[in-house]
């Protein structure tokens, strides 16, 4: 049973819009990750290292090769933001 060609035009439009949307989302994620692939299945250690890299370089994906941290890194710890628990 043949498919009428009139049904293929809306199908092509819908498929094209899905393709454009998925490609736009992929490009947006790529450029927001400093032009690196998206990370999946992050554990607590990787999240901690990403936070450290953000505090060192200003970017979640940036890494520093300097052996000594900058002076500002000593005082911008996450621990200063947490409230102390006293019993």
PDB file of N, CA and C in Angstrom:
ATOM      1  N   UNK A   1       0.848  -1.170   0.000  1.00  0.00           N
ATOM      2  CA  UNK A   1       0.000   0.000   0.000  1.00  0.00           C
ATOM      3  C   UNK A   1       0.896   1.236   0.000  1.00  0.00           C
ATOM      4  N   UNK A   2       0.811   2.044  -1.001  1.00  0.00           N
ATOM      5  CA  UNK A   2       1.695   3.207  -1.100  1.00  0.00           C
ATOM      6  C   UNK A   2       1.304   4.320  -0.124  1.00  0.00           C
ATOM      7  N   UNK A   3       2.316   5.087   0.264  1.00  0.00           N
ATOM      8  CA  UNK A   3       2.101   6.235   1.147  1.00  0.00           C
ATOM      9  C   UNK A   3       1.955   7.472   0.276  1.00  0.00           C
ATOM     10  N   UNK A   4       0.920   8.259   0.515  1.00  0.00           N
ATOM     11  CA  UNK A   4       0.785   9.476  -0.291  1.00  0.00           C
ATOM     12  C   UNK A   4       1.937  10.451   0.008  1.00  0.00           C
ATOM     13  N   UNK A   5       2.415  11.101  -1.036  1.00  0.00           N
ATOM     14  CA  UNK A   5       3.561  11.991  -0.866  1.00  0.00           C
ATOM     15  C   UNK A   5       3.226  13.207  -0.017  1.00  0.00           C
ATOM     16  N   UNK A   6       1.930  13.532   0.127  1.00  0.00           N
ATOM     17  CA  UNK A   6       1.548  14.673   0.974  1.00  0.00           C
ATOM     18  C   UNK A   6       1.902  14.420   2.441  1.00  0.00           C
ATOM     19  N   UNK A   7       1.964  13.151   2.852  1.00  0.00           N
ATOM     20  CA  UNK A   7       2.295  12.821   4.247  1.00  0.00           C
ATOM     21  C   UNK A   7       3.783  12.948   4.517  1.00  0.00           C
ATOM     22  N   UNK A   8       4.596  12.896   3.487  1.00  0.00           N
ATOM     23  CA  UNK A   8       6.040  12.964   3.688  1.00  0.00           C
ATOM     24  C   UNK A   8       6.523  14.383   3.978  1.00  0.00           C
ATOM     25  N   UNK A   9       5.837  15.389   3.498  1.00  0.00           N
ATOM     26  CA  UNK A   9       6.259  16.782   3.724  1.00  0.00           C
ATOM     27  C   UNK A   9       6.177  17.146   5.214  1.00  0.00           C
ATOM     28  N   UNK A  10       5.039  16.941   5.905  1.00  0.00           N
ATOM     29  CA  UNK A  10       5.029  17.244   7.343  1.00  0.00           C
ATOM     30  C   UNK A  10       5.987  16.363   8.140  1.00  0.00           C
ATOM     31  N   UNK A  11       6.124  15.100   7.714  1.00  0.00           N
ATOM     32  CA  UNK A  11       7.072  14.210   8.392  1.00  0.00           C
ATOM     33  C   UNK A  11       8.497  14.742   8.279  1.00  0.00           C
ATOM     34  N   UNK A  12       8.874  15.216   7.113  1.00  0.00           N
ATOM     35  CA  UNK A  12      10.214  15.775   6.906  1.00  0.00           C
ATOM     36  C   UNK A  12      10.406  17.049   7.733  1.00  0.00           C
ATOM     37  N   UNK A  13       9.369  17.860   7.837  1.00  0.00           N
ATOM     38  CA  UNK A  13       9.465  19.090   8.637  1.00  0.00           C
ATOM     39  C   UNK A  13       9.659  18.742  10.111  1.00  0.00           C
ATOM     40  N   UNK A  14       8.873  17.798  10.615  1.00  0.00           N
ATOM     41  CA  UNK A  14       8.977  17.409  12.023  1.00  0.00           C
ATOM     42  C   UNK A  14      10.344  16.773  12.296  1.00  0.00           C
ATOM     43  N   UNK A  15      10.791  15.881  11.432  1.00  0.00           N
ATOM     44  CA  UNK A  15      12.101  15.258  11.611  1.00  0.00           C
ATOM     45  C   UNK A  15      13.214  16.296  11.537  1.00  0.00           C
ATOM     46  N   UNK A  16      13.077  17.260  10.651  1.00  0.00           N
ATOM     47  CA  UNK A  16      14.066  18.332  10.539  1.00  0.00           C
ATOM     48  C   UNK A  16      14.128  19.183  11.789  1.00  0.00           C
ATOM     49  N   UNK A  17      12.977  19.483  12.389  1.00  0.00           N
ATOM     50  CA  UNK A  17      12.957  20.289  13.616  1.00  0.00           C
ATOM     51  C   UNK A  17      13.586  19.521  14.789  1.00  0.00           C
ATOM     52  N   UNK A  18      13.333  18.214  14.872  1.00  0.00           N
ATOM     53  CA  UNK A  18      13.995  17.419  15.911  1.00  0.00           C
ATOM     54  C   UNK A  18      15.510  17.435  15.708  1.00  0.00           C
ATOM     55  N   UNK A  19      15.943  17.330  14.473  1.00  0.00           N
ATOM     56  CA  UNK A  19      17.373  17.326  14.173  1.00  0.00           C
ATOM     57  C   UNK A  19      18.007  18.668  14.514  1.00  0.00           C
ATOM     58  N   UNK A  20      17.347  19.754  14.136  1.00  0.00           N
ATOM     59  CA  UNK A  20      17.878  21.095  14.427  1.00  0.00           C
ATOM     60  C   UNK A  20      17.936  21.334  15.931  1.00  0.00           C
ATOM     61  N   UNK A  21      16.905  20.914  16.663  1.00  0.00           N
ATOM     62  CA  UNK A  21      16.878  21.106  18.114  1.00  0.00           C
ATOM     63  C   UNK A  21      17.980  20.291  18.798  1.00  0.00           C
ATOM     64  N   UNK A  22      18.136  19.035  18.411  1.00  0.00           N
ATOM     65  CA  UNK A  22      19.167  18.193  19.026  1.00  0.00           C
ATOM     66  C   UNK A  22      20.568  18.710  18.716  1.00  0.00           C
ATOM     67  N   UNK A  23      20.779  19.158  17.489  1.00  0.00           N
ATOM     68  CA  UNK A  23      22.087  19.697  17.123  1.00  0.00           C
ATOM     69  C   UNK A  23      22.376  20.987  17.886  1.00  0.00           C
ATOM     70  N   UNK A  24      21.369  21.848  18.029  1.00  0.00           N
ATOM     71  CA  UNK A  24      21.547  23.088  18.794  1.00  0.00           C
ATOM     72  C   UNK A  24      21.877  22.820  20.251  1.00  0.00           C
ATOM     73  N   UNK A  25      21.205  21.839  20.852  1.00  0.00           N
ATOM     74  CA  UNK A  25      21.492  21.485  22.241  1.00  0.00           C
ATOM     75  C   UNK A  25      22.903  20.924  22.384  1.00  0.00           C
ATOM     76  N   UNK A  26      23.301  20.081  21.445  1.00  0.00           N
ATOM     77  CA  UNK A  26      24.645  19.503  21.475  1.00  0.00           C
ATOM     78  C   UNK A  26      25.716  20.581  21.327  1.00  0.00           C
ATOM     79  N   UNK A  27      25.522  21.517  20.424  1.00  0.00           N
ATOM     80  CA  UNK A  27      26.486  22.604  20.223  1.00  0.00           C
ATOM     81  C   UNK A  27      26.547  23.500  21.459  1.00  0.00           C
ATOM     82  N   UNK A  28      25.391  23.778  22.064  1.00  0.00           N
ATOM     83  CA  UNK A  28      25.362  24.612  23.264  1.00  0.00           C
ATOM     84  C   UNK A  28      26.129  23.949  24.408  1.00  0.00           C
ATOM     85  N   UNK A  29      25.924  22.659  24.603  1.00  0.00           N
ATOM     86  CA  UNK A  29      26.663  21.944  25.654  1.00  0.00           C
ATOM     87  C   UNK A  29      28.152  21.913  25.349  1.00  0.00           C
ATOM     88  N   UNK A  30      28.499  21.721  24.099  1.00  0.00           N
ATOM     89  CA  UNK A  30      29.906  21.652  23.697  1.00  0.00           C
ATOM     90  C   UNK A  30      30.618  22.965  24.002  1.00  0.00           C
ATOM     91  N   UNK A  31      30.014  24.094  23.632  1.00  0.00           N
ATOM     92  CA  UNK A  31      30.662  25.383  23.861  1.00  0.00           C
ATOM     93  C   UNK A  31      30.618  25.800  25.333  1.00  0.00           C
ATOM     94  N   UNK A  32      29.610  25.357  26.085  1.00  0.00           N
ATOM     95  CA  UNK A  32      29.577  25.708  27.503  1.00  0.00           C
ATOM     96  C   UNK A  32      30.567  24.876  28.316  1.00  0.00           C
ATOM     97  N   UNK A  33      31.066  23.774  27.769  1.00  0.00           N
ATOM     98  CA  UNK A  33      32.071  22.933  28.427  1.00  0.00           C
ATOM     99  C   UNK A  33      33.470  23.221  27.912  1.00  0.00           C
ATOM    100  N   UNK A  34      33.734  24.427  27.502  1.00  0.00           N
ATOM    101  CA  UNK A  34      35.055  24.825  26.994  1.00  0.00           C
ATOM    102  C   UNK A  34      35.488  23.971  25.809  1.00  0.00           C
ATOM    103  N   UNK A  35      34.560  23.689  24.938  1.00  0.00           N
ATOM    104  CA  UNK A  35      34.799  22.921  23.700  1.00  0.00           C
ATOM    105  C   UNK A  35      35.348  21.535  23.973  1.00  0.00           C
ATOM    106  N   UNK A  36      34.806  20.894  25.007  1.00  0.00           N
ATOM    107  CA  UNK A  36      35.158  19.519  25.341  1.00  0.00           C
ATOM    108  C   UNK A  36      33.867  18.711  25.441  1.00  0.00           C
ATOM    109  N   UNK A  37      33.948  17.394  25.293  1.00  0.00           N
ATOM    110  CA  UNK A  37      32.730  16.573  25.377  1.00  0.00           C
ATOM    111  C   UNK A  37      32.081  16.654  26.762  1.00  0.00           C
ATOM    112  N   UNK A  38      30.776  16.434  26.804  1.00  0.00           N
ATOM    113  CA  UNK A  38      30.027  16.475  28.052  1.00  0.00           C
ATOM    114  C   UNK A  38      30.428  15.303  28.938  1.00  0.00           C
ATOM    115  N   UNK A  39      30.530  15.558  30.247  1.00  0.00           N
ATOM    116  CA  UNK A  39      30.855  14.498  31.194  1.00  0.00           C
ATOM    117  C   UNK A  39      29.572  13.841  31.681  1.00  0.00           C
ATOM    118  N   UNK A  40      29.607  12.510  31.807  1.00  0.00           N
ATOM    119  CA  UNK A  40      28.469  11.746  32.287  1.00  0.00           C
ATOM    120  C   UNK A  40      28.887  10.908  33.485  1.00  0.00           C
ATOM    121  N   UNK A  41      27.915  10.548  34.320  1.00  0.00           N
ATOM    122  CA  UNK A  41      28.116   9.651  35.465  1.00  0.00           C
ATOM    123  C   UNK A  41      29.258  10.127  36.359  1.00  0.00           C
ATOM    124  N   UNK A  42      29.132  11.344  36.867  1.00  0.00           N
ATOM    125  CA  UNK A  42      30.158  11.895  37.742  1.00  0.00           C
ATOM    126  C   UNK A  42      29.961  11.398  39.172  1.00  0.00           C
ATOM    127  N   UNK A  43      31.028  10.968  39.807  1.00  0.00           N
ATOM    128  CA  UNK A  43      30.941  10.596  41.203  1.00  0.00           C
ATOM    129  C   UNK A  43      31.392  11.775  42.061  1.00  0.00           C
ATOM    130  N   UNK A  44      31.390  11.591  43.371  1.00  0.00           N
ATOM    131  CA  UNK A  44      31.695  12.710  44.266  1.00  0.00           C
ATOM    132  C   UNK A  44      33.138  13.197  44.101  1.00  0.00           C
ATOM    133  N   UNK A  45      34.079  12.288  43.802  1.00  0.00           N
ATOM    134  CA  UNK A  45      35.466  12.704  43.623  1.00  0.00           C
ATOM    135  C   UNK A  45      35.608  13.606  42.401  1.00  0.00           C
ATOM    136  N   UNK A  46      34.973  13.235  41.292  1.00  0.00           N
ATOM    137  CA  UNK A  46      35.057  14.054  40.085  1.00  0.00           C
ATOM    138  C   UNK A  46      34.384  15.404  40.284  1.00  0.00           C
ATOM    139  N   UNK A  47      33.281  15.436  41.007  1.00  0.00           N
ATOM    140  CA  UNK A  47      32.625  16.721  41.295  1.00  0.00           C
ATOM    141  C   UNK A  47      33.510  17.600  42.169  1.00  0.00           C
ATOM    142  N   UNK A  48      34.188  16.980  43.137  1.00  0.00           N
ATOM    143  CA  UNK A  48      35.095  17.727  44.003  1.00  0.00           C
ATOM    144  C   UNK A  48      36.265  18.293  43.194  1.00  0.00           C
ATOM    145  N   UNK A  49      36.807  17.521  42.279  1.00  0.00           N
ATOM    146  CA  UNK A  49      37.909  17.994  41.445  1.00  0.00           C
ATOM    147  C   UNK A  49      37.447  19.082  40.473  1.00  0.00           C
ATOM    148  N   UNK A  50      36.215  18.982  39.980  1.00  0.00           N
ATOM    149  CA  UNK A  50      35.685  20.030  39.111  1.00  0.00           C
ATOM    150  C   UNK A  50      35.528  21.341  39.878  1.00  0.00           C
ATOM    151  N   UNK A  51      35.084  21.252  41.129  1.00  0.00           N
ATOM    152  CA  UNK A  51      34.956  22.453  41.956  1.00  0.00           C
ATOM    153  C   UNK A  51      36.334  23.057  42.245  1.00  0.00           C
ATOM    154  N   UNK A  52      37.327  22.206  42.498  1.00  0.00           N
ATOM    155  CA  UNK A  52      38.687  22.703  42.720  1.00  0.00           C
ATOM    156  C   UNK A  52      39.221  23.384  41.470  1.00  0.00           C
ATOM    157  N   UNK A  53      38.994  22.775  40.296  1.00  0.00           N
ATOM    158  CA  UNK A  53      39.442  23.379  39.039  1.00  0.00           C
ATOM    159  C   UNK A  53      38.748  24.712  38.794  1.00  0.00           C
ATOM    160  N   UNK A  54      37.460  24.792  39.166  1.00  0.00           N
ATOM    161  CA  UNK A  54      36.734  26.053  38.980  1.00  0.00           C
ATOM    162  C   UNK A  54      37.326  27.153  39.867  1.00  0.00           C
ATOM    163  N   UNK A  55      37.681  26.777  41.093  1.00  0.00           N
ATOM    164  CA  UNK A  55      38.271  27.779  41.986  1.00  0.00           C
ATOM    165  C   UNK A  55      39.677  28.170  41.550  1.00  0.00           C
ATOM    166  N   UNK A  56      40.413  27.244  40.943  1.00  0.00           N
ATOM    167  CA  UNK A  56      41.771  27.553  40.475  1.00  0.00           C
ATOM    168  C   UNK A  56      41.764  28.369  39.185  1.00  0.00           C
ATOM    169  N   UNK A  57      40.945  27.966  38.221  1.00  0.00           N
ATOM    170  CA  UNK A  57      41.025  28.562  36.883  1.00  0.00           C
ATOM    171  C   UNK A  57      39.819  29.393  36.498  1.00  0.00           C
ATOM    172  N   UNK A  58      38.695  29.269  37.226  1.00  0.00           N
ATOM    173  CA  UNK A  58      37.494  29.999  36.863  1.00  0.00           C
ATOM    174  C   UNK A  58      36.598  29.228  35.906  1.00  0.00           C
ATOM    175  N   UNK A  59      36.958  28.006  35.567  1.00  0.00           N
ATOM    176  CA  UNK A  59      36.173  27.188  34.652  1.00  0.00           C
ATOM    177  C   UNK A  59      36.118  25.764  35.186  1.00  0.00           C
ATOM    178  N   UNK A  60      34.943  25.097  35.038  1.00  0.00           N
ATOM    179  CA  UNK A  60      34.816  23.726  35.512  1.00  0.00           C
ATOM    180  C   UNK A  60      35.729  22.775  34.747  1.00  0.00           C
ATOM    181  N   UNK A  61      35.996  23.077  33.488  1.00  0.00           N
ATOM    182  CA  UNK A  61      36.801  22.176  32.676  1.00  0.00           C
ATOM    183  C   UNK A  61      38.257  22.604  32.561  1.00  0.00           C
ATOM    184  N   UNK A  62      38.599  23.776  33.061  1.00  0.00           N
ATOM    185  CA  UNK A  62      39.971  24.254  32.964  1.00  0.00           C
ATOM    186  C   UNK A  62      40.866  23.597  33.995  1.00  0.00           C
ATOM    187  N   UNK A  63      42.100  23.366  33.624  1.00  0.00           N
ATOM    188  CA  UNK A  63      43.063  22.794  34.547  1.00  0.00           C
ATOM    189  C   UNK A  63      44.337  23.627  34.507  1.00  0.00           C
ATOM    190  N   UNK A  64      45.015  23.676  35.621  1.00  0.00           N
ATOM    191  CA  UNK A  64      46.234  24.468  35.743  1.00  0.00           C
ATOM    192  C   UNK A  64      47.437  23.540  35.859  1.00  0.00           C
ATOM    193  N   UNK A  65      48.510  23.891  35.173  1.00  0.00           N
ATOM    194  CA  UNK A  65      49.730  23.090  35.255  1.00  0.00           C
ATOM    195  C   UNK A  65      50.758  23.711  36.194  1.00  0.00           C
ATOM    196  N   UNK A  66      50.377  24.770  36.862  1.00  0.00           N
ATOM    197  CA  UNK A  66      51.283  25.427  37.802  1.00  0.00           C
ATOM    198  C   UNK A  66      51.438  24.561  39.057  1.00  0.00           C
ATOM    199  N   UNK A  67      52.658  24.354  39.535  1.00  0.00           N
ATOM    200  CA  UNK A  67      52.847  23.521  40.724  1.00  0.00           C
ATOM    201  C   UNK A  67      52.414  24.201  42.025  1.00  0.00           C
ATOM    202  N   UNK A  68      52.326  25.513  42.018  1.00  0.00           N
ATOM    203  CA  UNK A  68      51.937  26.266  43.205  1.00  0.00           C
ATOM    204  C   UNK A  68      50.628  26.991  42.911  1.00  0.00           C
ATOM    205  N   UNK A  69      49.664  26.849  43.818  1.00  0.00           N
ATOM    206  CA  UNK A  69      48.365  27.491  43.634  1.00  0.00           C
ATOM    207  C   UNK A  69      48.500  29.002  43.813  1.00  0.00           C
ATOM    208  N   UNK A  70      47.635  29.790  43.166  1.00  0.00           N
ATOM    209  CA  UNK A  70      47.682  31.236  43.373  1.00  0.00           C
ATOM    210  C   UNK A  70      47.320  31.598  44.813  1.00  0.00           C
ATOM    211  N   UNK A  71      47.706  32.800  45.224  1.00  0.00           N
ATOM    212  CA  UNK A  71      47.481  33.221  46.613  1.00  0.00           C
ATOM    213  C   UNK A  71      46.008  33.253  46.986  1.00  0.00           C
ATOM    214  N   UNK A  72      45.146  33.633  46.052  1.00  0.00           N
ATOM    215  CA  UNK A  72      43.714  33.700  46.338  1.00  0.00           C
ATOM    216  C   UNK A  72      43.087  32.344  46.597  1.00  0.00           C
ATOM    217  N   UNK A  73      43.723  31.272  46.175  1.00  0.00           N
ATOM    218  CA  UNK A  73      43.172  29.940  46.367  1.00  0.00           C
ATOM    219  C   UNK A  73      43.164  29.533  47.833  1.00  0.00           C
ATOM    220  N   UNK A  74      44.024  30.117  48.645  1.00  0.00           N
ATOM    221  CA  UNK A  74      44.111  29.748  50.061  1.00  0.00           C
ATOM    222  C   UNK A  74      42.889  30.202  50.848  1.00  0.00           C
ATOM    223  N   UNK A  75      42.212  31.238  50.411  1.00  0.00           N
ATOM    224  CA  UNK A  75      41.098  31.786  51.186  1.00  0.00           C
ATOM    225  C   UNK A  75      39.739  31.600  50.545  1.00  0.00           C
ATOM    226  N   UNK A  76      39.641  30.968  49.376  1.00  0.00           N
ATOM    227  CA  UNK A  76      38.325  30.813  48.763  1.00  0.00           C
ATOM    228  C   UNK A  76      37.826  29.383  48.859  1.00  0.00           C
ATOM    229  N   UNK A  77      38.029  28.763  50.003  1.00  0.00           N
ATOM    230  CA  UNK A  77      37.632  27.380  50.222  1.00  0.00           C
ATOM    231  C   UNK A  77      36.129  27.270  50.410  1.00  0.00           C
ATOM    232  N   UNK A  78      35.589  26.108  50.087  1.00  0.00           N
ATOM    233  CA  UNK A  78      34.174  25.839  50.282  1.00  0.00           C
ATOM    234  C   UNK A  78      33.860  25.703  51.763  1.00  0.00           C
ATOM    235  N   UNK A  79      34.848  25.290  52.559  1.00  0.00           N
ATOM    236  CA  UNK A  79      34.609  25.050  53.980  1.00  0.00           C
ATOM    237  C   UNK A  79      34.229  26.318  54.725  1.00  0.00           C
ATOM    238  N   UNK A  80      34.636  27.473  54.254  1.00  0.00           N
ATOM    239  CA  UNK A  80      34.282  28.719  54.919  1.00  0.00           C
ATOM    240  C   UNK A  80      32.796  29.038  54.764  1.00  0.00           C
ATOM    241  N   UNK A  81      32.155  28.447  53.797  1.00  0.00           N
ATOM    242  CA  UNK A  81      30.745  28.728  53.539  1.00  0.00           C
ATOM    243  C   UNK A  81      29.821  27.860  54.387  1.00  0.00           C
ATOM    244  N   UNK A  82      30.296  26.745  54.907  1.00  0.00           N
ATOM    245  CA  UNK A  82      29.455  25.858  55.679  1.00  0.00           C
ATOM    246  C   UNK A  82      29.344  26.349  57.116  1.00  0.00           C
ATOM    247  N   UNK A  83      28.159  26.174  57.679  1.00  0.00           N
ATOM    248  CA  UNK A  83      27.958  26.561  59.072  1.00  0.00           C
ATOM    249  C   UNK A  83      28.495  25.464  59.992  1.00  0.00           C
ATOM    250  N   UNK A  84      29.088  25.870  61.085  1.00  0.00           N
ATOM    251  CA  UNK A  84      29.622  24.918  62.049  1.00  0.00           C
ATOM    252  C   UNK A  84      28.493  24.264  62.849  1.00  0.00           C
ATOM    253  N   UNK A  85      28.649  22.988  63.074  1.00  0.00           N
ATOM    254  CA  UNK A  85      27.660  22.243  63.852  1.00  0.00           C
ATOM    255  C   UNK A  85      28.190  22.106  65.259  1.00  0.00           C
ATOM    256  N   UNK A  86      27.452  22.616  66.206  1.00  0.00           N
ATOM    257  CA  UNK A  86      27.861  22.480  67.612  1.00  0.00           C
ATOM    258  C   UNK A  86      26.770  21.718  68.363  1.00  0.00           C
ATOM    259  N   UNK A  87      27.216  20.787  69.188  1.00  0.00           N
ATOM    260  CA  UNK A  87      26.255  19.946  69.907  1.00  0.00           C
ATOM    261  C   UNK A  87      26.065  20.406  71.315  1.00  0.00           C
TER     262      UNK A  87
END
